[in-house]
Amino acid sequence: MSFWHFLWEMLVVFAFVVWVIIFFQVVFDLFRSKDVSGAGKAGWLILLIILPFLGVLIYLVVRGHGMADRAVRTQLDDADRLRVATGQAPADQISQAKQLLDQGVITEDEFQAIKSKVIA
């Protein structure tokens, strides 16, 4: 086995892993979407199974612009549910957010958003 053959195989494996990650991101986004009906989700899923490469490309062109928004909204909803479940006091939540801001984990805008959400 030559070096170039090994390099080519590594590239192919990398491309396949990237493809699998993108495919599952599309499937997760499809089921995360609240604006698509059950029949619409079934249709997209059938397209993704029958023509996976073309289906993913079509999905990314048609609905790709909102994928990040839906992912962020899901994460914020999960964080809200966790906050309610933990029952932390608003002052504790603000102090934790301030610590995250000081550590550079979140930005000033994110800190202000957390603070306004906790106070509201």
N, C-alpha and C. Protein backbone atom coordinates (compact mmCIF):
# COMPACT_ATOMS: atom_id res chain seq x y z
N MET A 1 0.85 -1.17 0.00
CA MET A 1 0.00 0.00 0.00
C MET A 1 0.90 1.24 0.00
N SER A 2 0.66 2.12 -0.94
CA SER A 2 1.47 3.32 -1.04
C SER A 2 0.92 4.42 -0.14
N PHE A 3 1.72 5.44 0.04
CA PHE A 3 1.30 6.59 0.85
C PHE A 3 0.09 7.27 0.23
N TRP A 4 0.08 7.41 -1.09
CA TRP A 4 -1.02 8.10 -1.76
C TRP A 4 -2.32 7.31 -1.67
N HIS A 5 -2.20 6.00 -1.72
CA HIS A 5 -3.38 5.15 -1.56
C HIS A 5 -3.95 5.32 -0.15
N PHE A 6 -3.09 5.31 0.84
CA PHE A 6 -3.51 5.51 2.23
C PHE A 6 -4.16 6.88 2.40
N LEU A 7 -3.54 7.91 1.81
CA LEU A 7 -4.08 9.26 1.90
C LEU A 7 -5.46 9.34 1.25
N TRP A 8 -5.62 8.68 0.11
CA TRP A 8 -6.91 8.68 -0.58
C TRP A 8 -7.98 7.98 0.27
N GLU A 9 -7.63 6.86 0.88
CA GLU A 9 -8.59 6.16 1.74
C GLU A 9 -8.99 7.00 2.94
N MET A 10 -8.03 7.70 3.53
CA MET A 10 -8.35 8.58 4.66
C MET A 10 -9.29 9.69 4.23
N LEU A 11 -9.09 10.23 3.05
CA LEU A 11 -9.96 11.27 2.52
C LEU A 11 -11.37 10.74 2.29
N VAL A 12 -11.47 9.55 1.77
CA VAL A 12 -12.78 8.94 1.53
C VAL A 12 -13.50 8.68 2.85
N VAL A 13 -12.80 8.17 3.84
CA VAL A 13 -13.41 7.92 5.15
C VAL A 13 -13.85 9.24 5.78
N PHE A 14 -13.02 10.27 5.69
CA PHE A 14 -13.39 11.58 6.21
C PHE A 14 -14.64 12.11 5.53
N ALA A 15 -14.70 12.01 4.21
CA ALA A 15 -15.87 12.49 3.46
C ALA A 15 -17.12 11.71 3.87
N PHE A 16 -16.99 10.42 4.08
CA PHE A 16 -18.14 9.61 4.49
C PHE A 16 -18.63 10.03 5.87
N VAL A 17 -17.72 10.26 6.81
CA VAL A 17 -18.12 10.69 8.16
C VAL A 17 -18.81 12.05 8.09
N VAL A 18 -18.27 12.96 7.29
CA VAL A 18 -18.92 14.26 7.13
C VAL A 18 -20.32 14.09 6.54
N TRP A 19 -20.45 13.22 5.56
CA TRP A 19 -21.75 12.98 4.94
C TRP A 19 -22.75 12.43 5.97
N VAL A 20 -22.34 11.49 6.79
CA VAL A 20 -23.24 10.91 7.80
C VAL A 20 -23.67 11.98 8.80
N ILE A 21 -22.75 12.84 9.22
CA ILE A 21 -23.09 13.90 10.16
C ILE A 21 -24.10 14.86 9.54
N ILE A 22 -23.88 15.26 8.29
CA ILE A 22 -24.82 16.16 7.62
C ILE A 22 -26.18 15.50 7.47
N PHE A 23 -26.20 14.23 7.09
CA PHE A 23 -27.46 13.52 6.92
C PHE A 23 -28.27 13.51 8.22
N PHE A 24 -27.61 13.17 9.33
CA PHE A 24 -28.34 13.12 10.60
C PHE A 24 -28.73 14.52 11.08
N GLN A 25 -27.93 15.53 10.78
CA GLN A 25 -28.34 16.90 11.12
C GLN A 25 -29.61 17.28 10.38
N VAL A 26 -29.71 16.89 9.13
CA VAL A 26 -30.91 17.17 8.34
C VAL A 26 -32.11 16.42 8.91
N VAL A 27 -31.93 15.16 9.25
CA VAL A 27 -33.04 14.37 9.81
C VAL A 27 -33.48 14.95 11.15
N PHE A 28 -32.53 15.30 12.02
CA PHE A 28 -32.88 15.90 13.31
C PHE A 28 -33.59 17.23 13.12
N ASP A 29 -33.11 18.03 12.17
CA ASP A 29 -33.76 19.32 11.90
C ASP A 29 -35.18 19.11 11.37
N LEU A 30 -35.35 18.11 10.56
CA LEU A 30 -36.68 17.82 10.02
C LEU A 30 -37.67 17.52 11.14
N PHE A 31 -37.27 16.69 12.08
CA PHE A 31 -38.18 16.34 13.17
C PHE A 31 -38.27 17.44 14.22
N ARG A 32 -37.32 18.35 14.25
CA ARG A 32 -37.35 19.49 15.16
C ARG A 32 -38.32 20.57 14.66
N SER A 33 -38.59 20.61 13.36
CA SER A 33 -39.40 21.65 12.76
C SER A 33 -40.86 21.52 13.17
N LYS A 34 -41.41 22.61 13.64
CA LYS A 34 -42.82 22.62 14.02
C LYS A 34 -43.70 23.10 12.88
N ASP A 35 -43.09 23.67 11.84
CA ASP A 35 -43.87 24.20 10.73
C ASP A 35 -44.08 23.19 9.60
N VAL A 36 -43.60 21.97 9.78
CA VAL A 36 -43.79 20.92 8.78
C VAL A 36 -44.77 19.90 9.35
N SER A 37 -45.78 19.57 8.56
CA SER A 37 -46.78 18.61 9.01
C SER A 37 -46.19 17.19 9.06
N GLY A 38 -46.94 16.28 9.63
CA GLY A 38 -46.51 14.89 9.69
C GLY A 38 -46.34 14.29 8.31
N ALA A 39 -47.25 14.60 7.40
CA ALA A 39 -47.15 14.09 6.04
C ALA A 39 -45.93 14.69 5.34
N GLY A 40 -45.67 15.97 5.60
CA GLY A 40 -44.49 16.61 5.03
C GLY A 40 -43.21 15.98 5.52
N LYS A 41 -43.17 15.67 6.82
CA LYS A 41 -41.99 15.01 7.39
C LYS A 41 -41.81 13.63 6.78
N ALA A 42 -42.90 12.91 6.60
CA ALA A 42 -42.82 11.58 5.99
C ALA A 42 -42.32 11.68 4.55
N GLY A 43 -42.80 12.67 3.81
CA GLY A 43 -42.35 12.86 2.44
C GLY A 43 -40.86 13.18 2.35
N TRP A 44 -40.41 14.11 3.21
CA TRP A 44 -38.98 14.42 3.24
C TRP A 44 -38.16 13.19 3.60
N LEU A 45 -38.64 12.43 4.59
CA LEU A 45 -37.89 11.25 5.03
C LEU A 45 -37.81 10.20 3.92
N ILE A 46 -38.89 10.01 3.19
CA ILE A 46 -38.87 9.07 2.05
C ILE A 46 -37.87 9.53 1.01
N LEU A 47 -37.87 10.85 0.72
CA LEU A 47 -36.91 11.39 -0.25
C LEU A 47 -35.48 11.18 0.24
N LEU A 48 -35.25 11.41 1.54
CA LEU A 48 -33.90 11.24 2.09
C LEU A 48 -33.45 9.79 2.07
N ILE A 49 -34.37 8.87 2.20
CA ILE A 49 -34.00 7.45 2.19
C ILE A 49 -33.78 6.94 0.76
N ILE A 50 -34.66 7.35 -0.16
CA ILE A 50 -34.56 6.85 -1.54
C ILE A 50 -33.42 7.52 -2.30
N LEU A 51 -33.30 8.84 -2.17
CA LEU A 51 -32.24 9.58 -2.86
C LEU A 51 -31.47 10.42 -1.83
N PRO A 52 -30.61 9.79 -1.06
CA PRO A 52 -30.01 10.52 0.07
C PRO A 52 -29.19 11.75 -0.32
N PHE A 53 -28.32 11.66 -1.30
CA PHE A 53 -27.49 12.80 -1.66
C PHE A 53 -28.33 13.94 -2.23
N LEU A 54 -29.19 13.61 -3.18
CA LEU A 54 -30.04 14.62 -3.79
C LEU A 54 -31.04 15.16 -2.77
N GLY A 55 -31.57 14.28 -1.92
CA GLY A 55 -32.53 14.72 -0.91
C GLY A 55 -31.93 15.69 0.08
N VAL A 56 -30.71 15.43 0.52
CA VAL A 56 -30.05 16.34 1.45
C VAL A 56 -29.77 17.67 0.77
N LEU A 57 -29.31 17.65 -0.46
CA LEU A 57 -29.04 18.89 -1.18
C LEU A 57 -30.32 19.71 -1.36
N ILE A 58 -31.41 19.06 -1.74
CA ILE A 58 -32.68 19.76 -1.90
C ILE A 58 -33.14 20.33 -0.56
N TYR A 59 -33.02 19.55 0.50
CA TYR A 59 -33.43 20.02 1.83
C TYR A 59 -32.62 21.24 2.24
N LEU A 60 -31.31 21.19 2.02
CA LEU A 60 -30.47 22.32 2.40
C LEU A 60 -30.79 23.57 1.60
N VAL A 61 -31.16 23.41 0.35
CA VAL A 61 -31.52 24.58 -0.46
C VAL A 61 -32.88 25.13 -0.02
N VAL A 62 -33.85 24.24 0.20
CA VAL A 62 -35.21 24.68 0.51
C VAL A 62 -35.35 25.13 1.94
N ARG A 63 -34.80 24.39 2.89
CA ARG A 63 -35.04 24.68 4.30
C ARG A 63 -33.78 24.95 5.11
N GLY A 64 -32.63 24.97 4.47
CA GLY A 64 -31.37 25.12 5.17
C GLY A 64 -31.20 26.44 5.89
N HIS A 65 -31.85 27.49 5.39
CA HIS A 65 -31.67 28.81 5.98
C HIS A 65 -32.17 28.88 7.43
N GLY A 66 -33.08 28.03 7.81
CA GLY A 66 -33.62 28.08 9.17
C GLY A 66 -33.08 27.02 10.11
N MET A 67 -32.14 26.21 9.64
CA MET A 67 -31.64 25.12 10.48
C MET A 67 -30.96 25.64 11.74
N ALA A 68 -30.15 26.65 11.62
CA ALA A 68 -29.45 27.20 12.79
C ALA A 68 -30.45 27.81 13.76
N ASP A 69 -31.44 28.51 13.24
CA ASP A 69 -32.45 29.13 14.11
C ASP A 69 -33.21 28.07 14.91
N ARG A 70 -33.58 26.99 14.24
CA ARG A 70 -34.31 25.93 14.94
C ARG A 70 -33.44 25.25 15.99
N ALA A 71 -32.17 25.07 15.69
CA ALA A 71 -31.25 24.44 16.66
C ALA A 71 -31.06 25.33 17.88
N VAL A 72 -30.89 26.63 17.66
CA VAL A 72 -30.73 27.56 18.79
C VAL A 72 -32.00 27.63 19.61
N ARG A 73 -33.15 27.68 18.95
CA ARG A 73 -34.42 27.73 19.68
C ARG A 73 -34.61 26.48 20.53
N THR A 74 -34.23 25.33 20.01
CA THR A 74 -34.34 24.09 20.79
C THR A 74 -33.41 24.12 21.99
N GLN A 75 -32.19 24.61 21.81
CA GLN A 75 -31.26 24.69 22.93
C GLN A 75 -31.75 25.66 24.00
N LEU A 76 -32.31 26.79 23.58
CA LEU A 76 -32.83 27.75 24.55
C LEU A 76 -34.04 27.18 25.30
N ASP A 77 -34.90 26.47 24.58
CA ASP A 77 -36.04 25.83 25.24
C ASP A 77 -35.58 24.79 26.25
N ASP A 78 -34.56 24.02 25.88
CA ASP A 78 -34.01 23.03 26.81
C ASP A 78 -33.41 23.70 28.03
N ALA A 79 -32.72 24.81 27.82
CA ALA A 79 -32.12 25.54 28.94
C ALA A 79 -33.21 26.10 29.85
N ASP A 80 -34.31 26.58 29.27
CA ASP A 80 -35.42 27.09 30.08
C ASP A 80 -36.04 25.97 30.91
N ARG A 81 -36.21 24.81 30.29
CA ARG A 81 -36.79 23.69 31.04
C ARG A 81 -35.86 23.24 32.16
N LEU A 82 -34.56 23.27 31.91
CA LEU A 82 -33.60 22.91 32.93
C LEU A 82 -33.61 23.92 34.07
N ARG A 83 -33.74 25.19 33.73
CA ARG A 83 -33.78 26.24 34.74
C ARG A 83 -34.99 26.08 35.63
N VAL A 84 -36.13 25.78 35.03
CA VAL A 84 -37.36 25.58 35.81
C VAL A 84 -37.23 24.33 36.66
N ALA A 85 -36.61 23.29 36.10
CA ALA A 85 -36.48 22.03 36.84
C ALA A 85 -35.53 22.18 38.03
N THR A 86 -34.47 22.98 37.88
CA THR A 86 -33.53 23.13 38.98
C THR A 86 -34.06 24.06 40.06
N GLY A 87 -34.97 24.95 39.69
CA GLY A 87 -35.58 25.85 40.67
C GLY A 87 -34.60 26.85 41.26
N GLN A 88 -33.62 27.29 40.49
CA GLN A 88 -32.66 28.25 40.99
C GLN A 88 -33.31 29.63 41.15
N ALA A 89 -32.83 30.36 42.12
CA ALA A 89 -33.29 31.72 42.33
C ALA A 89 -32.75 32.60 41.21
N PRO A 90 -33.49 33.66 40.84
CA PRO A 90 -33.01 34.54 39.77
C PRO A 90 -31.63 35.14 40.05
N ALA A 91 -31.35 35.49 41.29
CA ALA A 91 -30.04 36.06 41.62
C ALA A 91 -28.93 35.05 41.36
N ASP A 92 -29.18 33.77 41.65
CA ASP A 92 -28.18 32.73 41.40
C ASP A 92 -27.93 32.57 39.90
N GLN A 93 -29.01 32.63 39.12
CA GLN A 93 -28.87 32.49 37.67
C GLN A 93 -28.08 33.65 37.09
N ILE A 94 -28.34 34.86 37.58
CA ILE A 94 -27.62 36.02 37.08
C ILE A 94 -26.15 35.94 37.48
N SER A 95 -25.87 35.50 38.69
CA SER A 95 -24.47 35.39 39.12
C SER A 95 -23.73 34.31 38.32
N GLN A 96 -24.41 33.21 38.00
CA GLN A 96 -23.77 32.18 37.17
C GLN A 96 -23.50 32.72 35.76
N ALA A 97 -24.46 33.48 35.24
CA ALA A 97 -24.27 34.07 33.91
C ALA A 97 -23.12 35.07 33.94
N LYS A 98 -22.99 35.83 35.01
CA LYS A 98 -21.89 36.79 35.15
C LYS A 98 -20.55 36.06 35.19
N GLN A 99 -20.50 34.92 35.88
CA GLN A 99 -19.27 34.13 35.91
C GLN A 99 -18.91 33.65 34.51
N LEU A 100 -19.92 33.20 33.77
CA LEU A 100 -19.67 32.76 32.39
C LEU A 100 -19.18 33.91 31.53
N LEU A 101 -19.74 35.10 31.75
CA LEU A 101 -19.29 36.29 31.01
C LEU A 101 -17.85 36.61 31.35
N ASP A 102 -17.51 36.56 32.63
CA ASP A 102 -16.14 36.86 33.06
C ASP A 102 -15.14 35.85 32.51
N GLN A 103 -15.58 34.60 32.37
CA GLN A 103 -14.70 33.56 31.83
C GLN A 103 -14.59 33.63 30.31
N GLY A 104 -15.46 34.42 29.68
CA GLY A 104 -15.44 34.56 28.23
C GLY A 104 -16.23 33.48 27.51
N VAL A 105 -17.04 32.74 28.24
CA VAL A 105 -17.84 31.67 27.63
C VAL A 105 -19.01 32.26 26.84
N ILE A 106 -19.60 33.33 27.37
CA ILE A 106 -20.71 33.99 26.69
C ILE A 106 -20.33 35.44 26.44
N THR A 107 -21.05 36.07 25.51
CA THR A 107 -20.80 37.47 25.18
C THR A 107 -21.66 38.37 26.06
N GLU A 108 -21.39 39.66 25.97
CA GLU A 108 -22.16 40.64 26.74
C GLU A 108 -23.63 40.62 26.34
N ASP A 109 -23.89 40.48 25.04
CA ASP A 109 -25.28 40.42 24.57
C ASP A 109 -26.01 39.20 25.13
N GLU A 110 -25.33 38.05 25.16
CA GLU A 110 -25.94 36.85 25.71
C GLU A 110 -26.20 37.02 27.21
N PHE A 111 -25.27 37.68 27.90
CA PHE A 111 -25.46 37.93 29.33
C PHE A 111 -26.68 38.81 29.56
N GLN A 112 -26.80 39.86 28.76
CA GLN A 112 -27.96 40.76 28.90
C GLN A 112 -29.26 40.03 28.58
N ALA A 113 -29.23 39.14 27.58
CA ALA A 113 -30.43 38.37 27.25
C ALA A 113 -30.83 37.44 28.39
N ILE A 114 -29.85 36.79 28.99
CA ILE A 114 -30.14 35.91 30.14
C ILE A 114 -30.68 36.72 31.29
N LYS A 115 -30.06 37.85 31.55
CA LYS A 115 -30.47 38.71 32.66
C LYS A 115 -31.90 39.20 32.47
N SER A 116 -32.22 39.65 31.25
CA SER A 116 -33.58 40.15 31.01
C SER A 116 -34.61 39.02 31.06
N LYS A 117 -34.20 37.82 30.63
CA LYS A 117 -35.12 36.68 30.69
C LYS A 117 -35.39 36.27 32.12
N VAL A 118 -34.36 36.30 32.97
CA VAL A 118 -34.50 35.92 34.38
C VAL A 118 -35.35 36.94 35.12
N ILE A 119 -35.12 38.20 34.83
CA ILE A 119 -35.85 39.27 35.54
C ILE A 119 -37.30 39.30 35.13
N ALA A 120 -37.58 38.97 33.87
CA ALA A 120 -38.98 39.03 33.37
C ALA A 120 -39.87 38.00 33.99
